[in-house]
Amino acid sequence: MSTAWSKSRLGSIRHGPLNSGVMGNERTVRRRAVSDDQKLERRQAITDAAKRVFSEKGFHETTIAAVAADAGMSYGTIYWYFDSKEDLFHAVIEAEEAALGRRYAGPLRATSLTIRSRRSNRRSL
């Protein structure tokens, strides 16, 4: 069965599965993420939006609808990638933890090596 429909049947032409989002006064039409890269990008866009909304409203006042609106995606799209608001929150925290680890891994490693070399120098004296 084809997903393309005639204009007279639905009022507009639809080609393939689509997700639509509203960003400001603009209406954007997004195609379903098919490739792994597209899915990763979509998931990242959702977590970025969630980070903004959680930081602005806090956990309890944040709704999936607010995250969807910020991301310019439909409400259902968020649930395609995350089971619950809690799951989304944990994904945001894990992403921030990973970013902190990348940011400070080098300086922490250098500090650790400096401390170790000082200790070994003291022992050799």
PDB file of N, CA and C in Angstrom:
ATOM      1  N   MET A   1       0.839  -1.180   0.000  1.00  0.00           N
ATOM      2  CA  MET A   1       0.000   0.000   0.000  1.00  0.00           C
ATOM      3  C   MET A   1       0.879   1.236   0.000  1.00  0.00           C
ATOM      4  N   SER A   2       0.577   2.184  -0.836  1.00  0.00           N
ATOM      5  CA  SER A   2       1.359   3.398  -0.975  1.00  0.00           C
ATOM      6  C   SER A   2       0.985   4.401   0.107  1.00  0.00           C
ATOM      7  N   THR A   3       1.958   5.232   0.508  1.00  0.00           N
ATOM      8  CA  THR A   3       1.667   6.268   1.495  1.00  0.00           C
ATOM      9  C   THR A   3       1.348   7.599   0.845  1.00  0.00           C
ATOM     10  N   ALA A   4       1.405   7.694  -0.466  1.00  0.00           N
ATOM     11  CA  ALA A   4       1.050   8.927  -1.162  1.00  0.00           C
ATOM     12  C   ALA A   4      -0.451   8.925  -1.419  1.00  0.00           C
ATOM     13  N   TRP A   5      -1.107  10.014  -1.107  1.00  0.00           N
ATOM     14  CA  TRP A   5      -2.548  10.132  -1.262  1.00  0.00           C
ATOM     15  C   TRP A   5      -2.849  11.317  -2.166  1.00  0.00           C
ATOM     16  N   SER A   6      -3.984  11.276  -2.802  1.00  0.00           N
ATOM     17  CA  SER A   6      -4.375  12.391  -3.665  1.00  0.00           C
ATOM     18  C   SER A   6      -4.853  13.565  -2.822  1.00  0.00           C
ATOM     19  N   LYS A   7      -4.764  14.762  -3.390  1.00  0.00           N
ATOM     20  CA  LYS A   7      -5.163  15.970  -2.692  1.00  0.00           C
ATOM     21  C   LYS A   7      -6.646  15.943  -2.328  1.00  0.00           C
ATOM     22  N   SER A   8      -7.478  15.433  -3.197  1.00  0.00           N
ATOM     23  CA  SER A   8      -8.917  15.428  -2.939  1.00  0.00           C
ATOM     24  C   SER A   8      -9.292  14.497  -1.784  1.00  0.00           C
ATOM     25  N   ARG A   9      -8.496  13.483  -1.553  1.00  0.00           N
ATOM     26  CA  ARG A   9      -8.835  12.496  -0.524  1.00  0.00           C
ATOM     27  C   ARG A   9      -8.530  12.986   0.889  1.00  0.00           C
ATOM     28  N   LEU A  10      -7.400  13.687   1.085  1.00  0.00           N
ATOM     29  CA  LEU A  10      -7.029  14.131   2.427  1.00  0.00           C
ATOM     30  C   LEU A  10      -6.972  15.646   2.575  1.00  0.00           C
ATOM     31  N   GLY A  11      -7.103  16.372   1.495  1.00  0.00           N
ATOM     32  CA  GLY A  11      -7.017  17.820   1.591  1.00  0.00           C
ATOM     33  C   GLY A  11      -5.614  18.332   1.313  1.00  0.00           C
ATOM     34  N   SER A  12      -4.629  17.492   1.402  1.00  0.00           N
ATOM     35  CA  SER A  12      -3.255  17.868   1.053  1.00  0.00           C
ATOM     36  C   SER A  12      -2.514  16.605   0.641  1.00  0.00           C
ATOM     37  N   ILE A  13      -1.445  16.791  -0.062  1.00  0.00           N
ATOM     38  CA  ILE A  13      -0.684  15.635  -0.521  1.00  0.00           C
ATOM     39  C   ILE A  13       0.300  15.227   0.568  1.00  0.00           C
ATOM     40  N   ARG A  14       0.354  13.957   0.835  1.00  0.00           N
ATOM     41  CA  ARG A  14       1.274  13.419   1.830  1.00  0.00           C
ATOM     42  C   ARG A  14       2.149  12.398   1.132  1.00  0.00           C
ATOM     43  N   HIS A  15       3.435  12.580   1.227  1.00  0.00           N
ATOM     44  CA  HIS A  15       4.378  11.634   0.640  1.00  0.00           C
ATOM     45  C   HIS A  15       5.204  11.019   1.753  1.00  0.00           C
ATOM     46  N   GLY A  16       4.924   9.817   2.105  1.00  0.00           N
ATOM     47  CA  GLY A  16       5.707   9.111   3.116  1.00  0.00           C
ATOM     48  C   GLY A  16       5.358   9.561   4.517  1.00  0.00           C
ATOM     49  N   PRO A  17       5.894   8.870   5.510  1.00  0.00           N
ATOM     50  CA  PRO A  17       5.628   9.209   6.905  1.00  0.00           C
ATOM     51  C   PRO A  17       6.318  10.520   7.263  1.00  0.00           C
ATOM     52  N   LEU A  18       5.587  11.430   7.863  1.00  0.00           N
ATOM     53  CA  LEU A  18       6.123  12.740   8.207  1.00  0.00           C
ATOM     54  C   LEU A  18       5.916  13.043   9.677  1.00  0.00           C
ATOM     55  N   ASN A  19       6.813  13.806  10.239  1.00  0.00           N
ATOM     56  CA  ASN A  19       6.627  14.415  11.546  1.00  0.00           C
ATOM     57  C   ASN A  19       6.613  15.907  11.310  1.00  0.00           C
ATOM     58  N   SER A  20       5.743  16.610  11.954  1.00  0.00           N
ATOM     59  CA  SER A  20       5.744  18.054  11.796  1.00  0.00           C
ATOM     60  C   SER A  20       5.958  18.687  13.152  1.00  0.00           C
ATOM     61  N   GLY A  21       6.584  19.820  13.134  1.00  0.00           N
ATOM     62  CA  GLY A  21       6.818  20.554  14.362  1.00  0.00           C
ATOM     63  C   GLY A  21       6.533  22.013  14.127  1.00  0.00           C
ATOM     64  N   VAL A  22       6.256  22.717  15.180  1.00  0.00           N
ATOM     65  CA  VAL A  22       5.994  24.140  15.071  1.00  0.00           C
ATOM     66  C   VAL A  22       7.101  24.864  15.797  1.00  0.00           C
ATOM     67  N   MET A  23       7.784  25.748  15.102  1.00  0.00           N
ATOM     68  CA  MET A  23       8.850  26.533  15.701  1.00  0.00           C
ATOM     69  C   MET A  23       8.474  27.999  15.518  1.00  0.00           C
ATOM     70  N   GLY A  24       8.100  28.671  16.610  1.00  0.00           N
ATOM     71  CA  GLY A  24       7.669  30.046  16.498  1.00  0.00           C
ATOM     72  C   GLY A  24       6.426  30.109  15.631  1.00  0.00           C
ATOM     73  N   ASN A  25       6.444  31.003  14.654  1.00  0.00           N
ATOM     74  CA  ASN A  25       5.325  31.105  13.725  1.00  0.00           C
ATOM     75  C   ASN A  25       5.547  30.252  12.495  1.00  0.00           C
ATOM     76  N   GLU A  26       6.726  29.649  12.377  1.00  0.00           N
ATOM     77  CA  GLU A  26       7.028  28.807  11.235  1.00  0.00           C
ATOM     78  C   GLU A  26       6.560  27.386  11.495  1.00  0.00           C
ATOM     79  N   ARG A  27       6.089  26.734  10.483  1.00  0.00           N
ATOM     80  CA  ARG A  27       5.731  25.323  10.597  1.00  0.00           C
ATOM     81  C   ARG A  27       6.739  24.545   9.770  1.00  0.00           C
ATOM     82  N   THR A  28       7.433  23.650  10.412  1.00  0.00           N
ATOM     83  CA  THR A  28       8.421  22.840   9.714  1.00  0.00           C
ATOM     84  C   THR A  28       7.876  21.436   9.544  1.00  0.00           C
ATOM     85  N   VAL A  29       8.230  20.826   8.466  1.00  0.00           N
ATOM     86  CA  VAL A  29       7.816  19.444   8.210  1.00  0.00           C
ATOM     87  C   VAL A  29       9.071  18.597   8.192  1.00  0.00           C
ATOM     88  N   ARG A  30       9.086  17.585   9.037  1.00  0.00           N
ATOM     89  CA  ARG A  30      10.243  16.707   9.137  1.00  0.00           C
ATOM     90  C   ARG A  30       9.850  15.309   8.690  1.00  0.00           C
ATOM     91  N   ARG A  31      10.737  14.703   7.980  1.00  0.00           N
ATOM     92  CA  ARG A  31      10.534  13.295   7.611  1.00  0.00           C
ATOM     93  C   ARG A  31      11.004  12.424   8.770  1.00  0.00           C
ATOM     94  N   ARG A  32      10.460  11.247   8.850  1.00  0.00           N
ATOM     95  CA  ARG A  32      10.853  10.313   9.899  1.00  0.00           C
ATOM     96  C   ARG A  32      12.344  10.006   9.777  1.00  0.00           C
ATOM     97  N   ALA A  33      13.029   9.985  10.901  1.00  0.00           N
ATOM     98  CA  ALA A  33      14.448   9.640  10.914  1.00  0.00           C
ATOM     99  C   ALA A  33      14.585   8.168  10.562  1.00  0.00           C
ATOM    100  N   VAL A  34      15.352   7.875   9.529  1.00  0.00           N
ATOM    101  CA  VAL A  34      15.494   6.503   9.059  1.00  0.00           C
ATOM    102  C   VAL A  34      16.877   5.958   9.392  1.00  0.00           C
ATOM    103  N   SER A  35      17.912   6.697   9.054  1.00  0.00           N
ATOM    104  CA  SER A  35      19.273   6.207   9.283  1.00  0.00           C
ATOM    105  C   SER A  35      19.649   6.367  10.761  1.00  0.00           C
ATOM    106  N   ASP A  36      20.653   5.634  11.170  1.00  0.00           N
ATOM    107  CA  ASP A  36      21.139   5.737  12.543  1.00  0.00           C
ATOM    108  C   ASP A  36      21.636   7.147  12.842  1.00  0.00           C
ATOM    109  N   ASP A  37      22.283   7.780  11.869  1.00  0.00           N
ATOM    110  CA  ASP A  37      22.765   9.154  12.059  1.00  0.00           C
ATOM    111  C   ASP A  37      21.599  10.114  12.270  1.00  0.00           C
ATOM    112  N   GLN A  38      20.547   9.959  11.491  1.00  0.00           N
ATOM    113  CA  GLN A  38      19.367  10.817  11.641  1.00  0.00           C
ATOM    114  C   GLN A  38      18.719  10.610  13.002  1.00  0.00           C
ATOM    115  N   LYS A  39      18.652   9.369  13.450  1.00  0.00           N
ATOM    116  CA  LYS A  39      18.062   9.072  14.753  1.00  0.00           C
ATOM    117  C   LYS A  39      18.901   9.669  15.875  1.00  0.00           C
ATOM    118  N   LEU A  40      20.220   9.585  15.733  1.00  0.00           N
ATOM    119  CA  LEU A  40      21.119  10.170  16.721  1.00  0.00           C
ATOM    120  C   LEU A  40      20.967  11.688  16.766  1.00  0.00           C
ATOM    121  N   GLU A  41      20.866  12.308  15.595  1.00  0.00           N
ATOM    122  CA  GLU A  41      20.661  13.755  15.529  1.00  0.00           C
ATOM    123  C   GLU A  41      19.331  14.156  16.161  1.00  0.00           C
ATOM    124  N   ARG A  42      18.292  13.397  15.891  1.00  0.00           N
ATOM    125  CA  ARG A  42      16.970  13.687  16.453  1.00  0.00           C
ATOM    126  C   ARG A  42      17.007  13.544  17.971  1.00  0.00           C
ATOM    127  N   ARG A  43      17.639  12.475  18.449  1.00  0.00           N
ATOM    128  CA  ARG A  43      17.757  12.262  19.903  1.00  0.00           C
ATOM    129  C   ARG A  43      18.537  13.405  20.549  1.00  0.00           C
ATOM    130  N   GLN A  44      19.612  13.849  19.884  1.00  0.00           N
ATOM    131  CA  GLN A  44      20.415  14.953  20.401  1.00  0.00           C
ATOM    132  C   GLN A  44      19.596  16.244  20.441  1.00  0.00           C
ATOM    133  N   ALA A  45      18.800  16.494  19.407  1.00  0.00           N
ATOM    134  CA  ALA A  45      17.956  17.693  19.381  1.00  0.00           C
ATOM    135  C   ALA A  45      16.948  17.667  20.530  1.00  0.00           C
ATOM    136  N   ILE A  46      16.418  16.484  20.829  1.00  0.00           N
ATOM    137  CA  ILE A  46      15.459  16.358  21.931  1.00  0.00           C
ATOM    138  C   ILE A  46      16.153  16.612  23.266  1.00  0.00           C
ATOM    139  N   THR A  47      17.329  16.017  23.479  1.00  0.00           N
ATOM    140  CA  THR A  47      18.028  16.223  24.755  1.00  0.00           C
ATOM    141  C   THR A  47      18.486  17.674  24.904  1.00  0.00           C
ATOM    142  N   ASP A  48      18.867  18.322  23.808  1.00  0.00           N
ATOM    143  CA  ASP A  48      19.238  19.743  23.876  1.00  0.00           C
ATOM    144  C   ASP A  48      18.039  20.594  24.287  1.00  0.00           C
ATOM    145  N   ALA A  49      16.886  20.310  23.693  1.00  0.00           N
ATOM    146  CA  ALA A  49      15.663  21.041  24.044  1.00  0.00           C
ATOM    147  C   ALA A  49      15.285  20.769  25.495  1.00  0.00           C
ATOM    148  N   ALA A  50      15.388  19.508  25.910  1.00  0.00           N
ATOM    149  CA  ALA A  50      15.053  19.144  27.289  1.00  0.00           C
ATOM    150  C   ALA A  50      15.971  19.854  28.274  1.00  0.00           C
ATOM    151  N   LYS A  51      17.240  19.964  27.944  1.00  0.00           N
ATOM    152  CA  LYS A  51      18.181  20.667  28.821  1.00  0.00           C
ATOM    153  C   LYS A  51      17.744  22.120  29.013  1.00  0.00           C
ATOM    154  N   ARG A  52      17.347  22.776  27.922  1.00  0.00           N
ATOM    155  CA  ARG A  52      16.890  24.166  28.016  1.00  0.00           C
ATOM    156  C   ARG A  52      15.631  24.276  28.873  1.00  0.00           C
ATOM    157  N   VAL A  53      14.671  23.387  28.633  1.00  0.00           N
ATOM    158  CA  VAL A  53      13.397  23.470  29.351  1.00  0.00           C
ATOM    159  C   VAL A  53      13.575  23.087  30.819  1.00  0.00           C
ATOM    160  N   PHE A  54      14.325  22.022  31.102  1.00  0.00           N
ATOM    161  CA  PHE A  54      14.570  21.631  32.490  1.00  0.00           C
ATOM    162  C   PHE A  54      15.291  22.744  33.251  1.00  0.00           C
ATOM    163  N   SER A  55      16.257  23.391  32.606  1.00  0.00           N
ATOM    164  CA  SER A  55      17.004  24.446  33.303  1.00  0.00           C
ATOM    165  C   SER A  55      16.140  25.681  33.535  1.00  0.00           C
ATOM    166  N   GLU A  56      15.178  25.912  32.654  1.00  0.00           N
ATOM    167  CA  GLU A  56      14.297  27.070  32.804  1.00  0.00           C
ATOM    168  C   GLU A  56      13.162  26.809  33.797  1.00  0.00           C
ATOM    169  N   LYS A  57      12.540  25.627  33.713  1.00  0.00           N
ATOM    170  CA  LYS A  57      11.338  25.355  34.497  1.00  0.00           C
ATOM    171  C   LYS A  57      11.557  24.428  35.684  1.00  0.00           C
ATOM    172  N   GLY A  58      12.658  23.684  35.692  1.00  0.00           N
ATOM    173  CA  GLY A  58      12.853  22.678  36.717  1.00  0.00           C
ATOM    174  C   GLY A  58      12.180  21.375  36.311  1.00  0.00           C
ATOM    175  N   PHE A  59      12.506  20.323  37.027  1.00  0.00           N
ATOM    176  CA  PHE A  59      11.998  19.002  36.664  1.00  0.00           C
ATOM    177  C   PHE A  59      10.479  18.908  36.755  1.00  0.00           C
ATOM    178  N   HIS A  60       9.916  19.330  37.877  1.00  0.00           N
ATOM    179  CA  HIS A  60       8.486  19.118  38.111  1.00  0.00           C
ATOM    180  C   HIS A  60       7.598  19.961  37.200  1.00  0.00           C
ATOM    181  N   GLU A  61       8.045  21.141  36.834  1.00  0.00           N
ATOM    182  CA  GLU A  61       7.233  22.008  35.979  1.00  0.00           C
ATOM    183  C   GLU A  61       7.411  21.715  34.490  1.00  0.00           C
ATOM    184  N   THR A  62       8.429  20.952  34.139  1.00  0.00           N
ATOM    185  CA  THR A  62       8.665  20.610  32.732  1.00  0.00           C
ATOM    186  C   THR A  62       7.686  19.543  32.283  1.00  0.00           C
ATOM    187  N   THR A  63       7.148  19.740  31.093  1.00  0.00           N
ATOM    188  CA  THR A  63       6.264  18.742  30.497  1.00  0.00           C
ATOM    189  C   THR A  63       6.884  18.262  29.186  1.00  0.00           C
ATOM    190  N   ILE A  64       6.514  17.082  28.777  1.00  0.00           N
ATOM    191  CA  ILE A  64       6.976  16.564  27.489  1.00  0.00           C
ATOM    192  C   ILE A  64       6.496  17.477  26.370  1.00  0.00           C
ATOM    193  N   ALA A  65       5.301  18.035  26.515  1.00  0.00           N
ATOM    194  CA  ALA A  65       4.770  18.950  25.502  1.00  0.00           C
ATOM    195  C   ALA A  65       5.664  20.186  25.365  1.00  0.00           C
ATOM    196  N   ALA A  66       6.181  20.698  26.480  1.00  0.00           N
ATOM    197  CA  ALA A  66       7.069  21.864  26.429  1.00  0.00           C
ATOM    198  C   ALA A  66       8.390  21.507  25.748  1.00  0.00           C
ATOM    199  N   VAL A  67       8.906  20.331  26.024  1.00  0.00           N
ATOM    200  CA  VAL A  67      10.142  19.880  25.371  1.00  0.00           C
ATOM    201  C   VAL A  67       9.899  19.716  23.874  1.00  0.00           C
ATOM    202  N   ALA A  68       8.776  19.116  23.522  1.00  0.00           N
ATOM    203  CA  ALA A  68       8.441  18.921  22.106  1.00  0.00           C
ATOM    204  C   ALA A  68       8.327  20.258  21.391  1.00  0.00           C
ATOM    205  N   ALA A  69       7.677  21.223  22.014  1.00  0.00           N
ATOM    206  CA  ALA A  69       7.530  22.547  21.404  1.00  0.00           C
ATOM    207  C   ALA A  69       8.894  23.206  21.223  1.00  0.00           C
ATOM    208  N   ASP A  70       9.755  23.105  22.219  1.00  0.00           N
ATOM    209  CA  ASP A  70      11.092  23.694  22.125  1.00  0.00           C
ATOM    210  C   ASP A  70      11.918  23.020  21.032  1.00  0.00           C
ATOM    211  N   ALA A  71      11.753  21.721  20.888  1.00  0.00           N
ATOM    212  CA  ALA A  71      12.498  20.969  19.871  1.00  0.00           C
ATOM    213  C   ALA A  71      11.878  21.105  18.486  1.00  0.00           C
ATOM    214  N   GLY A  72      10.662  21.630  18.418  1.00  0.00           N
ATOM    215  CA  GLY A  72       9.976  21.745  17.133  1.00  0.00           C
ATOM    216  C   GLY A  72       9.513  20.405  16.611  1.00  0.00           C
ATOM    217  N   MET A  73       9.141  19.522  17.527  1.00  0.00           N
ATOM    218  CA  MET A  73       8.709  18.177  17.166  1.00  0.00           C
ATOM    219  C   MET A  73       7.345  17.903  17.771  1.00  0.00           C
ATOM    220  N   SER A  74       6.741  16.840  17.328  1.00  0.00           N
ATOM    221  CA  SER A  74       5.455  16.454  17.904  1.00  0.00           C
ATOM    222  C   SER A  74       5.671  15.779  19.253  1.00  0.00           C
ATOM    223  N   TYR A  75       4.638  15.826  20.045  1.00  0.00           N
ATOM    224  CA  TYR A  75       4.630  15.210  21.365  1.00  0.00           C
ATOM    225  C   TYR A  75       4.988  13.732  21.276  1.00  0.00           C
ATOM    226  N   GLY A  76       4.407  13.033  20.319  1.00  0.00           N
ATOM    227  CA  GLY A  76       4.643  11.601  20.161  1.00  0.00           C
ATOM    228  C   GLY A  76       6.065  11.262  19.761  1.00  0.00           C
ATOM    229  N   THR A  77       6.729  12.168  19.051  1.00  0.00           N
ATOM    230  CA  THR A  77       8.108  11.917  18.643  1.00  0.00           C
ATOM    231  C   THR A  77       9.016  11.778  19.861  1.00  0.00           C
ATOM    232  N   ILE A  78       8.770  12.584  20.881  1.00  0.00           N
ATOM    233  CA  ILE A  78       9.586  12.510  22.108  1.00  0.00           C
ATOM    234  C   ILE A  78       9.475  11.114  22.706  1.00  0.00           C
ATOM    235  N   TYR A  79       8.256  10.587  22.748  1.00  0.00           N
ATOM    236  CA  TYR A  79       8.055   9.254  23.318  1.00  0.00           C
ATOM    237  C   TYR A  79       8.590   8.142  22.422  1.00  0.00           C
ATOM    238  N   TRP A  80       8.859   8.427  21.170  1.00  0.00           N
ATOM    239  CA  TRP A  80       9.489   7.442  20.302  1.00  0.00           C
ATOM    240  C   TRP A  80      10.926   7.198  20.755  1.00  0.00           C
ATOM    241  N   TYR A  81      11.551   8.235  21.308  1.00  0.00           N
ATOM    242  CA  TYR A  81      12.950   8.158  21.717  1.00  0.00           C
ATOM    243  C   TYR A  81      13.139   7.956  23.221  1.00  0.00           C
ATOM    244  N   PHE A  82      12.170   8.363  24.021  1.00  0.00           N
ATOM    245  CA  PHE A  82      12.288   8.270  25.482  1.00  0.00           C
ATOM    246  C   PHE A  82      10.976   7.751  26.063  1.00  0.00           C
ATOM    247  N   ASP A  83      11.080   6.834  27.033  1.00  0.00           N
ATOM    248  CA  ASP A  83       9.898   6.215  27.617  1.00  0.00           C
ATOM    249  C   ASP A  83       9.113   7.146  28.531  1.00  0.00           C
ATOM    250  N   SER A  84       9.802   8.092  29.173  1.00  0.00           N
ATOM    251  CA  SER A  84       9.143   8.952  30.147  1.00  0.00           C
ATOM    252  C   SER A  84       9.960  10.230  30.337  1.00  0.00           C
ATOM    253  N   LYS A  85       9.395  11.158  31.078  1.00  0.00           N
ATOM    254  CA  LYS A  85      10.112  12.387  31.409  1.00  0.00           C
ATOM    255  C   LYS A  85      11.349  12.048  32.240  1.00  0.00           C
ATOM    256  N   GLU A  86      11.224  11.085  33.119  1.00  0.00           N
ATOM    257  CA  GLU A  86      12.366  10.670  33.942  1.00  0.00           C
ATOM    258  C   GLU A  86      13.483  10.113  33.078  1.00  0.00           C
ATOM    259  N   ASP A  87      13.139   9.301  32.095  1.00  0.00           N
ATOM    260  CA  ASP A  87      14.120   8.734  31.172  1.00  0.00           C
ATOM    261  C   ASP A  87      14.828   9.851  30.400  1.00  0.00           C
ATOM    262  N   LEU A  88      14.068  10.828  29.960  1.00  0.00           N
ATOM    263  CA  LEU A  88      14.635  11.976  29.248  1.00  0.00           C
ATOM    264  C   LEU A  88      15.558  12.769  30.164  1.00  0.00           C
ATOM    265  N   PHE A  89      15.146  12.984  31.397  1.00  0.00           N
ATOM    266  CA  PHE A  89      15.969  13.713  32.365  1.00  0.00           C
ATOM    267  C   PHE A  89      17.293  12.983  32.602  1.00  0.00           C
ATOM    268  N   HIS A  90      17.237  11.668  32.757  1.00  0.00           N
ATOM    269  CA  HIS A  90      18.460  10.887  32.960  1.00  0.00           C
ATOM    270  C   HIS A  90      19.382  10.977  31.744  1.00  0.00           C
ATOM    271  N   ALA A  91      18.807  11.012  30.548  1.00  0.00           N
ATOM    272  CA  ALA A  91      19.615  11.150  29.332  1.00  0.00           C
ATOM    273  C   ALA A  91      20.324  12.509  29.305  1.00  0.00           C
ATOM    274  N   VAL A  92      19.632  13.552  29.746  1.00  0.00           N
ATOM    275  CA  VAL A  92      20.246  14.887  29.810  1.00  0.00           C
ATOM    276  C   VAL A  92      21.394  14.880  30.815  1.00  0.00           C
ATOM    277  N   ILE A  93      21.171  14.289  31.974  1.00  0.00           N
ATOM    278  CA  ILE A  93      22.213  14.231  33.016  1.00  0.00           C
ATOM    279  C   ILE A  93      23.412  13.423  32.523  1.00  0.00           C
ATOM    280  N   GLU A  94      23.163  12.292  31.878  1.00  0.00           N
ATOM    281  CA  GLU A  94      24.263  11.477  31.350  1.00  0.00           C
ATOM    282  C   GLU A  94      25.057  12.230  30.284  1.00  0.00           C
ATOM    283  N   ALA A  95      24.367  12.981  29.438  1.00  0.00           N
ATOM    284  CA  ALA A  95      25.061  13.770  28.411  1.00  0.00           C
ATOM    285  C   ALA A  95      25.916  14.858  29.043  1.00  0.00           C
ATOM    286  N   GLU A  96      25.395  15.492  30.073  1.00  0.00           N
ATOM    287  CA  GLU A  96      26.164  16.533  30.767  1.00  0.00           C
ATOM    288  C   GLU A  96      27.357  15.938  31.505  1.00  0.00           C
ATOM    289  N   GLU A  97      27.163  14.776  32.101  1.00  0.00           N
ATOM    290  CA  GLU A  97      28.258  14.089  32.787  1.00  0.00           C
ATOM    291  C   GLU A  97      29.371  13.732  31.800  1.00  0.00           C
ATOM    292  N   ALA A  98      28.995  13.242  30.633  1.00  0.00           N
ATOM    293  CA  ALA A  98      29.978  12.889  29.601  1.00  0.00           C
ATOM    294  C   ALA A  98      30.706  14.138  29.108  1.00  0.00           C
ATOM    295  N   ALA A  99      29.968  15.241  28.949  1.00  0.00           N
ATOM    296  CA  ALA A  99      30.591  16.492  28.498  1.00  0.00           C
ATOM    297  C   ALA A  99      31.583  17.009  29.529  1.00  0.00           C
ATOM    298  N   LEU A 100      31.225  16.919  30.794  1.00  0.00           N
ATOM    299  CA  LEU A 100      32.155  17.332  31.853  1.00  0.00           C
ATOM    300  C   LEU A 100      33.398  16.451  31.864  1.00  0.00           C
ATOM    301  N   GLY A 101      33.184  15.154  31.687  1.00  0.00           N
ATOM    302  CA  GLY A 101      34.317  14.230  31.649  1.00  0.00           C
ATOM    303  C   GLY A 101      35.270  14.555  30.511  1.00  0.00           C
ATOM    304  N   ARG A 102      34.715  14.859  29.325  1.00  0.00           N
ATOM    305  CA  ARG A 102      35.569  15.237  28.187  1.00  0.00           C
ATOM    306  C   ARG A 102      36.275  16.563  28.441  1.00  0.00           C
ATOM    307  N   ARG A 103      35.567  17.479  29.046  1.00  0.00           N
ATOM    308  CA  ARG A 103      36.117  18.822  29.272  1.00  0.00           C
ATOM    309  C   ARG A 103      37.281  18.790  30.259  1.00  0.00           C
ATOM    310  N   TYR A 104      37.148  18.021  31.303  1.00  0.00           N
ATOM    311  CA  TYR A 104      38.141  18.047  32.373  1.00  0.00           C
ATOM    312  C   TYR A 104      39.052  16.828  32.418  1.00  0.00           C
ATOM    313  N   ALA A 105      38.919  15.908  31.501  1.00  0.00           N
ATOM    314  CA  ALA A 105      39.761  14.704  31.515  1.00  0.00           C
ATOM    315  C   ALA A 105      41.234  15.064  31.372  1.00  0.00           C
ATOM    316  N   GLY A 106      41.561  15.920  30.425  1.00  0.00           N
ATOM    317  CA  GLY A 106      42.954  16.324  30.215  1.00  0.00           C
ATOM    318  C   GLY A 106      43.551  17.036  31.419  1.00  0.00           C
ATOM    319  N   PRO A 107      42.920  18.110  31.911  1.00  0.00           N
ATOM    320  CA  PRO A 107      43.459  18.802  33.081  1.00  0.00           C
ATOM    321  C   PRO A 107      43.538  17.921  34.318  1.00  0.00           C
ATOM    322  N   LEU A 108      42.548  17.051  34.528  1.00  0.00           N
ATOM    323  CA  LEU A 108      42.599  16.162  35.688  1.00  0.00           C
ATOM    324  C   LEU A 108      43.732  15.154  35.563  1.00  0.00           C
ATOM    325  N   ARG A 109      43.926  14.636  34.360  1.00  0.00           N
ATOM    326  CA  ARG A 109      45.005  13.686  34.134  1.00  0.00           C
ATOM    327  C   ARG A 109      46.351  14.366  34.372  1.00  0.00           C
ATOM    328  N   ALA A 110      46.508  15.584  33.879  1.00  0.00           N
ATOM    329  CA  ALA A 110      47.761  16.323  34.061  1.00  0.00           C
ATOM    330  C   ALA A 110      48.013  16.601  35.539  1.00  0.00           C
ATOM    331  N   THR A 111      46.974  16.973  36.270  1.00  0.00           N
ATOM    332  CA  THR A 111      47.107  17.231  37.706  1.00  0.00           C
ATOM    333  C   THR A 111      47.489  15.962  38.440  1.00  0.00           C
ATOM    334  N   SER A 112      46.856  14.859  38.081  1.00  0.00           N
ATOM    335  CA  SER A 112      47.144  13.579  38.701  1.00  0.00           C
ATOM    336  C   SER A 112      48.598  13.167  38.450  1.00  0.00           C
ATOM    337  N   LEU A 113      49.075  13.352  37.226  1.00  0.00           N
ATOM    338  CA  LEU A 113      50.459  13.010  36.899  1.00  0.00           C
ATOM    339  C   LEU A 113      51.441  13.898  37.658  1.00  0.00           C
ATOM    340  N   THR A 114      51.098  15.179  37.801  1.00  0.00           N
ATOM    341  CA  THR A 114      51.967  16.103  38.541  1.00  0.00           C
ATOM    342  C   THR A 114      52.060  15.681  40.000  1.00  0.00           C
ATOM    343  N   ILE A 115      50.942  15.329  40.599  1.00  0.00           N
ATOM    344  CA  ILE A 115      50.935  14.894  42.001  1.00  0.00           C
ATOM    345  C   ILE A 115      51.735  13.607  42.149  1.00  0.00           C
ATOM    346  N   ARG A 116      51.564  12.664  41.247  1.00  0.00           N
ATOM    347  CA  ARG A 116      52.309  11.407  41.316  1.00  0.00           C
ATOM    348  C   ARG A 116      53.813  11.649  41.188  1.00  0.00           C
ATOM    349  N   SER A 117      54.207  12.518  40.252  1.00  0.00           N
ATOM    350  CA  SER A 117      55.646  12.770  40.069  1.00  0.00           C
ATOM    351  C   SER A 117      56.226  13.460  41.293  1.00  0.00           C
ATOM    352  N   ARG A 118      55.472  14.330  41.926  1.00  0.00           N
ATOM    353  CA  ARG A 118      55.963  14.978  43.157  1.00  0.00           C
ATOM    354  C   ARG A 118      56.141  13.956  44.271  1.00  0.00           C
ATOM    355  N   ARG A 119      55.197  13.043  44.381  1.00  0.00           N
ATOM    356  CA  ARG A 119      55.298  12.013  45.418  1.00  0.00           C
ATOM    357  C   ARG A 119      56.499  11.105  45.164  1.00  0.00           C
ATOM    358  N   SER A 120      56.703  10.726  43.905  1.00  0.00           N
ATOM    359  CA  SER A 120      57.838   9.841  43.617  1.00  0.00           C
ATOM    360  C   SER A 120      59.154  10.582  43.822  1.00  0.00           C
ATOM    361  N   ASN A 121      59.207  11.863  43.559  1.00  0.00           N
ATOM    362  CA  ASN A 121      60.427  12.650  43.806  1.00  0.00           C
ATOM    363  C   ASN A 121      60.718  12.735  45.292  1.00  0.00           C
ATOM    364  N   ARG A 122      59.697  12.861  46.121  1.00  0.00           N
ATOM    365  CA  ARG A 122      59.896  12.926  47.572  1.00  0.00           C
ATOM    366  C   ARG A 122      60.421  11.593  48.103  1.00  0.00           C
ATOM    367  N   ARG A 123      59.917  10.506  47.535  1.00  0.00           N
ATOM    368  CA  ARG A 123      60.343   9.180  47.990  1.00  0.00           C
ATOM    369  C   ARG A 123      61.811   8.921  47.620  1.00  0.00           C
ATOM    370  N   SER A 124      62.224   9.453  46.498  1.00  0.00           N
ATOM    371  CA  SER A 124      63.601   9.196  46.060  1.00  0.00           C
ATOM    372  C   SER A 124      64.619  10.003  46.859  1.00  0.00           C
ATOM    373  N   LEU A 125      64.146  11.032  47.554  1.00  0.00           N
ATOM    374  CA  LEU A 125      65.078  11.849  48.345  1.00  0.00           C
ATOM    375  C   LEU A 125      65.436  11.167  49.574  1.00  0.00           C
TER     376      LEU A 125
END
